[in-house]
Amino acid sequence: TVRPKNEVEQKQLCAFGEYVAEILPKYIQQVQVTCFNELELLIHPDGIIPVLTFLRDHTNAQFKSLADLTAVDVPSRQFRFEV
């Protein structure tokens, strides 16, 4: 099933992502909205705790769940994992 594109929802997600990036510029590296209208915040590993705390506690956010946290394994590197 393909969901129809909701332009209003996509604009709201983009605006919220940009808002978070303005508040936490030290940690937010990129903001994007997927084709499934899911907000993705690409953050520096040092920002995991501050960004998740912000998303949980900030009045405009109040997120209650974390859907996905990914990492990359590069065996040839001394420090193999990128979170």
Protein backbone atom coordinates (compact mmCIF):
# COMPACT_ATOMS: atom_id res chain seq x y z
CA THR A 1 0.00 0.00 0.00
CA VAL A 2 1.35 3.38 -0.97
CA ARG A 3 0.31 6.25 1.24
CA PRO A 4 -0.57 9.48 -0.54
CA LYS A 5 1.87 12.33 -0.02
CA ASN A 6 0.69 14.76 2.64
CA GLU A 7 2.34 18.08 1.82
CA VAL A 8 1.11 19.85 4.97
CA GLU A 9 2.49 17.13 7.23
CA GLN A 10 5.78 17.11 5.32
CA LYS A 11 6.15 20.90 5.68
CA GLN A 12 5.42 20.69 9.42
CA LEU A 13 8.03 17.95 9.86
CA CYS A 14 10.60 19.97 7.88
CA ALA A 15 9.86 23.06 9.95
CA PHE A 16 10.21 21.14 13.21
CA GLY A 17 13.46 19.54 12.02
CA GLU A 18 14.88 22.94 11.12
CA TYR A 19 13.75 24.27 14.51
CA VAL A 20 15.60 21.47 16.33
CA ALA A 21 18.68 22.07 14.16
CA GLU A 22 18.64 25.78 15.09
CA ILE A 23 18.43 24.97 18.79
CA LEU A 24 21.06 22.19 18.73
CA PRO A 25 23.44 23.18 15.89
CA LYS A 26 26.39 21.56 17.66
CA TYR A 27 24.83 18.11 17.26
CA ILE A 28 22.42 18.13 14.30
CA GLN A 29 24.30 17.41 11.07
CA GLN A 30 21.38 16.96 8.70
CA VAL A 31 17.58 17.04 8.74
CA GLN A 32 15.45 15.19 6.21
CA VAL A 33 11.91 13.91 5.76
CA THR A 34 11.58 10.50 4.14
CA CYS A 35 9.11 9.59 1.42
CA PHE A 36 7.02 8.00 4.21
CA ASN A 37 6.77 11.35 6.08
CA GLU A 38 9.21 10.33 8.79
CA LEU A 39 11.52 12.94 10.26
CA GLU A 40 15.18 11.91 10.31
CA LEU A 41 17.75 13.81 12.35
CA LEU A 42 21.34 12.84 11.55
CA ILE A 43 23.41 13.73 14.58
CA HIS A 44 26.99 13.60 15.79
CA PRO A 45 27.62 10.65 18.17
CA ASP A 46 28.36 13.09 21.01
CA GLY A 47 24.84 14.45 20.60
CA ILE A 48 22.85 11.26 21.14
CA ILE A 49 22.00 11.92 24.79
CA PRO A 50 21.44 15.72 24.48
CA VAL A 51 19.27 15.39 21.36
CA LEU A 52 17.18 12.51 22.74
CA THR A 53 16.76 14.38 26.03
CA PHE A 54 15.64 17.48 24.13
CA LEU A 55 13.14 15.49 22.04
CA ARG A 56 11.73 13.89 25.19
CA ASP A 57 11.55 16.97 27.41
CA HIS A 58 10.99 20.00 25.18
CA THR A 59 7.45 21.39 25.17
CA ASN A 60 7.19 21.38 21.36
CA ALA A 61 8.50 17.83 21.04
CA GLN A 62 7.52 15.44 23.87
CA PHE A 63 8.55 12.35 21.90
CA LYS A 64 7.73 9.12 23.73
CA SER A 65 9.46 6.48 21.61
CA LEU A 66 12.62 5.95 19.56
CA ALA A 67 11.95 4.04 16.35
CA ASP A 68 15.45 3.57 15.00
CA LEU A 69 19.08 4.13 15.93
CA THR A 70 21.65 2.91 13.43
CA ALA A 71 25.40 2.40 13.25
CA VAL A 72 27.98 1.51 10.60
CA ASP A 73 30.71 -1.13 11.05
CA VAL A 74 33.90 -0.53 9.06
CA PRO A 75 36.24 -3.43 10.01
CA SER A 76 39.30 -1.87 8.38
CA ARG A 77 39.26 1.14 10.73
CA GLN A 78 40.87 1.30 14.15
CA PHE A 79 37.59 2.63 15.56
CA ARG A 80 35.25 0.36 13.62
CA PHE A 81 31.84 1.71 14.52
CA GLU A 82 30.08 4.91 13.59
CA VAL A 83 26.85 5.50 15.46
